Amino acid sequence: MQSRLSGACERRVVKSLITLKPFVHSPKEKKPKHCSTCGSLATLEAYFDVGDSVTMIEKYCDVCSKKIPYGT
């Protein structure tokens, strides 16, 4: 039996970096935000264009932000 979502899962998302912005943790936040790559405390937000007027935001630490590909 094949899932109805199988086609959506197979689709590859092409994203290109728009900008990097400093990320400051708010004292009101109960949980700190972590790097999407290594899990360290996030210091930057990366904004990616993923097509169809959609922007994806991912958080990174300083070390991992240097490894972000500009078009993946």
PDB file of N, CA and C in Angstrom:
ATOM      1  N   MET A   1       0.834  -1.173   0.000  1.00  0.00           N
ATOM      2  CA  MET A   1       0.000   0.000   0.000  1.00  0.00           C
ATOM      3  C   MET A   1       0.885   1.245   0.000  1.00  0.00           C
ATOM      4  N   GLN A   2       0.630   2.167  -0.900  1.00  0.00           N
ATOM      5  CA  GLN A   2       1.451   3.356  -1.028  1.00  0.00           C
ATOM      6  C   GLN A   2       0.768   4.537  -0.345  1.00  0.00           C
ATOM      7  N   SER A   3       1.550   5.316   0.367  1.00  0.00           N
ATOM      8  CA  SER A   3       1.026   6.479   1.064  1.00  0.00           C
ATOM      9  C   SER A   3       0.696   7.598   0.088  1.00  0.00           C
ATOM     10  N   ARG A   4      -0.298   8.404   0.414  1.00  0.00           N
ATOM     11  CA  ARG A   4      -0.661   9.545  -0.432  1.00  0.00           C
ATOM     12  C   ARG A   4       0.412  10.617  -0.394  1.00  0.00           C
ATOM     13  N   LEU A   5       1.238  10.647   0.629  1.00  0.00           N
ATOM     14  CA  LEU A   5       2.269  11.666   0.770  1.00  0.00           C
ATOM     15  C   LEU A   5       3.603  11.263   0.138  1.00  0.00           C
ATOM     16  N   SER A   6       3.688  10.075  -0.414  1.00  0.00           N
ATOM     17  CA  SER A   6       4.974   9.600  -0.929  1.00  0.00           C
ATOM     18  C   SER A   6       5.521  10.501  -2.029  1.00  0.00           C
ATOM     19  N   GLY A   7       4.675  11.050  -2.885  1.00  0.00           N
ATOM     20  CA  GLY A   7       5.143  11.943  -3.937  1.00  0.00           C
ATOM     21  C   GLY A   7       5.719  13.223  -3.373  1.00  0.00           C
ATOM     22  N   ALA A   8       5.110  13.755  -2.322  1.00  0.00           N
ATOM     23  CA  ALA A   8       5.585  14.989  -1.703  1.00  0.00           C
ATOM     24  C   ALA A   8       6.916  14.768  -1.000  1.00  0.00           C
ATOM     25  N   CYS A   9       7.114  13.612  -0.433  1.00  0.00           N
ATOM     26  CA  CYS A   9       8.355  13.326   0.277  1.00  0.00           C
ATOM     27  C   CYS A   9       9.527  13.165  -0.676  1.00  0.00           C
ATOM     28  N   GLU A  10       9.257  12.737  -1.872  1.00  0.00           N
ATOM     29  CA  GLU A  10      10.320  12.501  -2.842  1.00  0.00           C
ATOM     30  C   GLU A  10      10.776  13.785  -3.523  1.00  0.00           C
ATOM     31  N   ARG A  11       9.986  14.849  -3.433  1.00  0.00           N
ATOM     32  CA  ARG A  11      10.313  16.102  -4.098  1.00  0.00           C
ATOM     33  C   ARG A  11      11.487  16.784  -3.402  1.00  0.00           C
ATOM     34  N   ARG A  12      12.488  17.152  -4.148  1.00  0.00           N
ATOM     35  CA  ARG A  12      13.672  17.797  -3.602  1.00  0.00           C
ATOM     36  C   ARG A  12      13.444  19.311  -3.571  1.00  0.00           C
ATOM     37  N   VAL A  13      13.713  19.929  -2.426  1.00  0.00           N
ATOM     38  CA  VAL A  13      13.559  21.366  -2.274  1.00  0.00           C
ATOM     39  C   VAL A  13      14.871  22.037  -2.665  1.00  0.00           C
ATOM     40  N   VAL A  14      14.790  22.957  -3.606  1.00  0.00           N
ATOM     41  CA  VAL A  14      15.957  23.731  -4.007  1.00  0.00           C
ATOM     42  C   VAL A  14      15.880  25.053  -3.275  1.00  0.00           C
ATOM     43  N   LYS A  15      16.915  25.346  -2.489  1.00  0.00           N
ATOM     44  CA  LYS A  15      16.902  26.584  -1.728  1.00  0.00           C
ATOM     45  C   LYS A  15      18.167  27.386  -2.015  1.00  0.00           C
ATOM     46  N   SER A  16      18.015  28.702  -2.053  1.00  0.00           N
ATOM     47  CA  SER A  16      19.165  29.570  -2.252  1.00  0.00           C
ATOM     48  C   SER A  16      19.177  30.622  -1.151  1.00  0.00           C
ATOM     49  N   LEU A  17      20.346  30.865  -0.599  1.00  0.00           N
ATOM     50  CA  LEU A  17      20.507  31.779   0.516  1.00  0.00           C
ATOM     51  C   LEU A  17      20.210  33.208   0.083  1.00  0.00           C
ATOM     52  N   ILE A  18      19.350  33.883   0.845  1.00  0.00           N
ATOM     53  CA  ILE A  18      19.038  35.286   0.595  1.00  0.00           C
ATOM     54  C   ILE A  18      19.925  36.171   1.464  1.00  0.00           C
ATOM     55  N   THR A  19      19.907  35.918   2.770  1.00  0.00           N
ATOM     56  CA  THR A  19      20.693  36.730   3.699  1.00  0.00           C
ATOM     57  C   THR A  19      20.913  36.009   5.020  1.00  0.00           C
ATOM     58  N   LEU A  20      21.910  36.470   5.764  1.00  0.00           N
ATOM     59  CA  LEU A  20      22.167  36.017   7.130  1.00  0.00           C
ATOM     60  C   LEU A  20      21.966  37.205   8.051  1.00  0.00           C
ATOM     61  N   LYS A  21      21.252  36.986   9.164  1.00  0.00           N
ATOM     62  CA  LYS A  21      21.022  38.053  10.136  1.00  0.00           C
ATOM     63  C   LYS A  21      21.378  37.543  11.526  1.00  0.00           C
ATOM     64  N   PRO A  22      21.896  38.425  12.374  1.00  0.00           N
ATOM     65  CA  PRO A  22      22.166  38.006  13.761  1.00  0.00           C
ATOM     66  C   PRO A  22      20.874  37.590  14.452  1.00  0.00           C
ATOM     67  N   PHE A  23      20.974  36.571  15.273  1.00  0.00           N
ATOM     68  CA  PHE A  23      19.821  36.081  16.027  1.00  0.00           C
ATOM     69  C   PHE A  23      20.095  36.299  17.504  1.00  0.00           C
ATOM     70  N   VAL A  24      19.217  37.044  18.171  1.00  0.00           N
ATOM     71  CA  VAL A  24      19.368  37.328  19.588  1.00  0.00           C
ATOM     72  C   VAL A  24      18.247  36.618  20.335  1.00  0.00           C
ATOM     73  N   HIS A  25      18.624  35.863  21.338  1.00  0.00           N
ATOM     74  CA  HIS A  25      17.633  35.145  22.139  1.00  0.00           C
ATOM     75  C   HIS A  25      16.879  36.129  23.029  1.00  0.00           C
ATOM     76  N   SER A  26      15.577  36.025  23.036  1.00  0.00           N
ATOM     77  CA  SER A  26      14.727  36.882  23.856  1.00  0.00           C
ATOM     78  C   SER A  26      14.642  36.311  25.265  1.00  0.00           C
ATOM     79  N   PRO A  27      14.684  37.169  26.275  1.00  0.00           N
ATOM     80  CA  PRO A  27      14.545  36.657  27.651  1.00  0.00           C
ATOM     81  C   PRO A  27      13.162  36.056  27.923  1.00  0.00           C
ATOM     82  N   LYS A  28      12.168  36.375  27.082  1.00  0.00           N
ATOM     83  CA  LYS A  28      10.818  35.832  27.247  1.00  0.00           C
ATOM     84  C   LYS A  28      10.691  34.394  26.751  1.00  0.00           C
ATOM     85  N   GLU A  29      11.633  33.978  25.893  1.00  0.00           N
ATOM     86  CA  GLU A  29      11.588  32.612  25.360  1.00  0.00           C
ATOM     87  C   GLU A  29      11.983  31.620  26.440  1.00  0.00           C
ATOM     88  N   LYS A  30      11.185  30.593  26.581  1.00  0.00           N
ATOM     89  CA  LYS A  30      11.471  29.579  27.597  1.00  0.00           C
ATOM     90  C   LYS A  30      12.538  28.599  27.136  1.00  0.00           C
ATOM     91  N   LYS A  31      12.550  28.310  25.833  1.00  0.00           N
ATOM     92  CA  LYS A  31      13.524  27.363  25.295  1.00  0.00           C
ATOM     93  C   LYS A  31      14.492  28.105  24.384  1.00  0.00           C
ATOM     94  N   PRO A  32      15.799  27.899  24.559  1.00  0.00           N
ATOM     95  CA  PRO A  32      16.754  28.526  23.644  1.00  0.00           C
ATOM     96  C   PRO A  32      16.675  27.870  22.267  1.00  0.00           C
ATOM     97  N   LYS A  33      17.013  28.599  21.245  1.00  0.00           N
ATOM     98  CA  LYS A  33      17.011  28.075  19.868  1.00  0.00           C
ATOM     99  C   LYS A  33      18.393  27.515  19.551  1.00  0.00           C
ATOM    100  N   HIS A  34      18.394  26.408  18.824  1.00  0.00           N
ATOM    101  CA  HIS A  34      19.640  25.704  18.541  1.00  0.00           C
ATOM    102  C   HIS A  34      19.942  25.661  17.046  1.00  0.00           C
ATOM    103  N   CYS A  35      21.202  25.459  16.737  1.00  0.00           N
ATOM    104  CA  CYS A  35      21.684  25.343  15.358  1.00  0.00           C
ATOM    105  C   CYS A  35      21.011  24.146  14.687  1.00  0.00           C
ATOM    106  N   SER A  36      20.540  24.354  13.467  1.00  0.00           N
ATOM    107  CA  SER A  36      19.858  23.269  12.752  1.00  0.00           C
ATOM    108  C   SER A  36      20.827  22.194  12.271  1.00  0.00           C
ATOM    109  N   THR A  37      22.125  22.464  12.338  1.00  0.00           N
ATOM    110  CA  THR A  37      23.112  21.479  11.892  1.00  0.00           C
ATOM    111  C   THR A  37      23.732  20.695  13.044  1.00  0.00           C
ATOM    112  N   CYS A  38      24.255  21.423  14.059  1.00  0.00           N
ATOM    113  CA  CYS A  38      25.013  20.736  15.115  1.00  0.00           C
ATOM    114  C   CYS A  38      24.332  20.732  16.483  1.00  0.00           C
ATOM    115  N   GLY A  39      23.321  21.574  16.679  1.00  0.00           N
ATOM    116  CA  GLY A  39      22.613  21.597  17.945  1.00  0.00           C
ATOM    117  C   GLY A  39      23.161  22.582  18.967  1.00  0.00           C
ATOM    118  N   SER A  40      24.242  23.309  18.638  1.00  0.00           N
ATOM    119  CA  SER A  40      24.766  24.342  19.539  1.00  0.00           C
ATOM    120  C   SER A  40      23.793  25.509  19.592  1.00  0.00           C
ATOM    121  N   LEU A  41      24.028  26.436  20.495  1.00  0.00           N
ATOM    122  CA  LEU A  41      23.188  27.611  20.619  1.00  0.00           C
ATOM    123  C   LEU A  41      23.257  28.437  19.334  1.00  0.00           C
ATOM    124  N   ALA A  42      22.111  28.811  18.786  1.00  0.00           N
ATOM    125  CA  ALA A  42      22.057  29.558  17.521  1.00  0.00           C
ATOM    126  C   ALA A  42      22.444  31.014  17.729  1.00  0.00           C
ATOM    127  N   THR A  43      23.175  31.571  16.751  1.00  0.00           N
ATOM    128  CA  THR A  43      23.576  32.968  16.796  1.00  0.00           C
ATOM    129  C   THR A  43      23.169  33.719  15.528  1.00  0.00           C
ATOM    130  N   LEU A  44      22.785  32.984  14.481  1.00  0.00           N
ATOM    131  CA  LEU A  44      22.420  33.594  13.207  1.00  0.00           C
ATOM    132  C   LEU A  44      21.169  32.946  12.629  1.00  0.00           C
ATOM    133  N   GLU A  45      20.399  33.737  11.881  1.00  0.00           N
ATOM    134  CA  GLU A  45      19.266  33.220  11.122  1.00  0.00           C
ATOM    135  C   GLU A  45      19.619  33.321   9.646  1.00  0.00           C
ATOM    136  N   ALA A  46      19.416  32.235   8.922  1.00  0.00           N
ATOM    137  CA  ALA A  46      19.642  32.218   7.476  1.00  0.00           C
ATOM    138  C   ALA A  46      18.281  32.197   6.791  1.00  0.00           C
ATOM    139  N   TYR A  47      18.097  33.119   5.855  1.00  0.00           N
ATOM    140  CA  TYR A  47      16.854  33.205   5.094  1.00  0.00           C
ATOM    141  C   TYR A  47      17.105  32.620   3.709  1.00  0.00           C
ATOM    142  N   PHE A  48      16.311  31.615   3.340  1.00  0.00           N
ATOM    143  CA  PHE A  48      16.458  30.935   2.057  1.00  0.00           C
ATOM    144  C   PHE A  48      15.218  31.134   1.204  1.00  0.00           C
ATOM    145  N   ASP A  49      15.404  31.337  -0.089  1.00  0.00           N
ATOM    146  CA  ASP A  49      14.312  31.355  -1.050  1.00  0.00           C
ATOM    147  C   ASP A  49      14.128  29.917  -1.526  1.00  0.00           C
ATOM    148  N   VAL A  50      12.923  29.366  -1.318  1.00  0.00           N
ATOM    149  CA  VAL A  50      12.662  27.987  -1.729  1.00  0.00           C
ATOM    150  C   VAL A  50      11.667  27.924  -2.884  1.00  0.00           C
ATOM    151  N   GLY A  51      11.406  29.071  -3.518  1.00  0.00           N
ATOM    152  CA  GLY A  51      10.510  29.116  -4.671  1.00  0.00           C
ATOM    153  C   GLY A  51       9.073  29.389  -4.285  1.00  0.00           C
ATOM    154  N   ASP A  52       8.277  29.720  -5.281  1.00  0.00           N
ATOM    155  CA  ASP A  52       6.851  29.999  -5.096  1.00  0.00           C
ATOM    156  C   ASP A  52       6.603  31.055  -4.021  1.00  0.00           C
ATOM    157  N   SER A  53       7.465  32.066  -3.947  1.00  0.00           N
ATOM    158  CA  SER A  53       7.352  33.174  -2.979  1.00  0.00           C
ATOM    159  C   SER A  53       7.393  32.692  -1.532  1.00  0.00           C
ATOM    160  N   VAL A  54       8.134  31.624  -1.259  1.00  0.00           N
ATOM    161  CA  VAL A  54       8.258  31.069   0.083  1.00  0.00           C
ATOM    162  C   VAL A  54       9.679  31.289   0.584  1.00  0.00           C
ATOM    163  N   THR A  55       9.794  31.810   1.807  1.00  0.00           N
ATOM    164  CA  THR A  55      11.092  31.994   2.444  1.00  0.00           C
ATOM    165  C   THR A  55      11.176  31.061   3.641  1.00  0.00           C
ATOM    166  N   MET A  56      12.265  30.305   3.715  1.00  0.00           N
ATOM    167  CA  MET A  56      12.494  29.391   4.832  1.00  0.00           C
ATOM    168  C   MET A  56      13.576  30.003   5.718  1.00  0.00           C
ATOM    169  N   ILE A  57      13.366  29.945   7.040  1.00  0.00           N
ATOM    170  CA  ILE A  57      14.340  30.491   7.988  1.00  0.00           C
ATOM    171  C   ILE A  57      14.901  29.339   8.805  1.00  0.00           C
ATOM    172  N   GLU A  58      16.238  29.256   8.835  1.00  0.00           N
ATOM    173  CA  GLU A  58      16.915  28.256   9.657  1.00  0.00           C
ATOM    174  C   GLU A  58      17.906  28.978  10.555  1.00  0.00           C
ATOM    175  N   LYS A  59      18.115  28.443  11.734  1.00  0.00           N
ATOM    176  CA  LYS A  59      19.041  29.041  12.685  1.00  0.00           C
ATOM    177  C   LYS A  59      20.339  28.238  12.708  1.00  0.00           C
ATOM    178  N   TYR A  60      21.477  28.971  12.823  1.00  0.00           N
ATOM    179  CA  TYR A  60      22.801  28.348  12.812  1.00  0.00           C
ATOM    180  C   TYR A  60      23.702  28.969  13.867  1.00  0.00           C
ATOM    181  N   CYS A  61      24.713  28.239  14.292  1.00  0.00           N
ATOM    182  CA  CYS A  61      25.765  28.795  15.136  1.00  0.00           C
ATOM    183  C   CYS A  61      26.805  29.440  14.214  1.00  0.00           C
ATOM    184  N   ASP A  62      27.770  30.155  14.784  1.00  0.00           N
ATOM    185  CA  ASP A  62      28.785  30.838  13.975  1.00  0.00           C
ATOM    186  C   ASP A  62      29.603  29.873  13.122  1.00  0.00           C
ATOM    187  N   VAL A  63      29.981  28.738  13.687  1.00  0.00           N
ATOM    188  CA  VAL A  63      30.813  27.769  12.969  1.00  0.00           C
ATOM    189  C   VAL A  63      30.061  27.186  11.768  1.00  0.00           C
ATOM    190  N   CYS A  64      28.842  26.728  11.977  1.00  0.00           N
ATOM    191  CA  CYS A  64      28.071  26.104  10.905  1.00  0.00           C
ATOM    192  C   CYS A  64      27.617  27.110   9.849  1.00  0.00           C
ATOM    193  N   SER A  65      27.459  28.372  10.229  1.00  0.00           N
ATOM    194  CA  SER A  65      27.018  29.386   9.264  1.00  0.00           C
ATOM    195  C   SER A  65      28.063  29.596   8.169  1.00  0.00           C
ATOM    196  N   LYS A  66      29.299  29.309   8.455  1.00  0.00           N
ATOM    197  CA  LYS A  66      30.366  29.452   7.450  1.00  0.00           C
ATOM    198  C   LYS A  66      30.331  28.329   6.408  1.00  0.00           C
ATOM    199  N   LYS A  67      29.564  27.273   6.692  1.00  0.00           N
ATOM    200  CA  LYS A  67      29.483  26.113   5.796  1.00  0.00           C
ATOM    201  C   LYS A  67      28.183  26.088   4.995  1.00  0.00           C
ATOM    202  N   ILE A  68      27.363  27.128   5.111  1.00  0.00           N
ATOM    203  CA  ILE A  68      26.077  27.166   4.405  1.00  0.00           C
ATOM    204  C   ILE A  68      26.320  27.319   2.909  1.00  0.00           C
ATOM    205  N   PRO A  69      25.831  26.387   2.109  1.00  0.00           N
ATOM    206  CA  PRO A  69      25.963  26.555   0.639  1.00  0.00           C
ATOM    207  C   PRO A  69      25.007  27.636   0.163  1.00  0.00           C
ATOM    208  N   TYR A  70      25.417  28.412  -0.824  1.00  0.00           N
ATOM    209  CA  TYR A  70      24.604  29.524  -1.306  1.00  0.00           C
ATOM    210  C   TYR A  70      23.475  29.063  -2.224  1.00  0.00           C
ATOM    211  N   GLY A  71      23.542  27.898  -2.769  1.00  0.00           N
ATOM    212  CA  GLY A  71      22.455  27.352  -3.580  1.00  0.00           C
ATOM    213  C   GLY A  71      22.500  25.847  -3.499  1.00  0.00           C
ATOM    214  N   THR A  72      21.496  25.241  -2.831  1.00  0.00           N
ATOM    215  CA  THR A  72      21.498  23.779  -2.674  1.00  0.00           C
ATOM    216  C   THR A  72      20.232  23.174  -3.205  1.00  0.00           C
TER     217      THR A  72
END
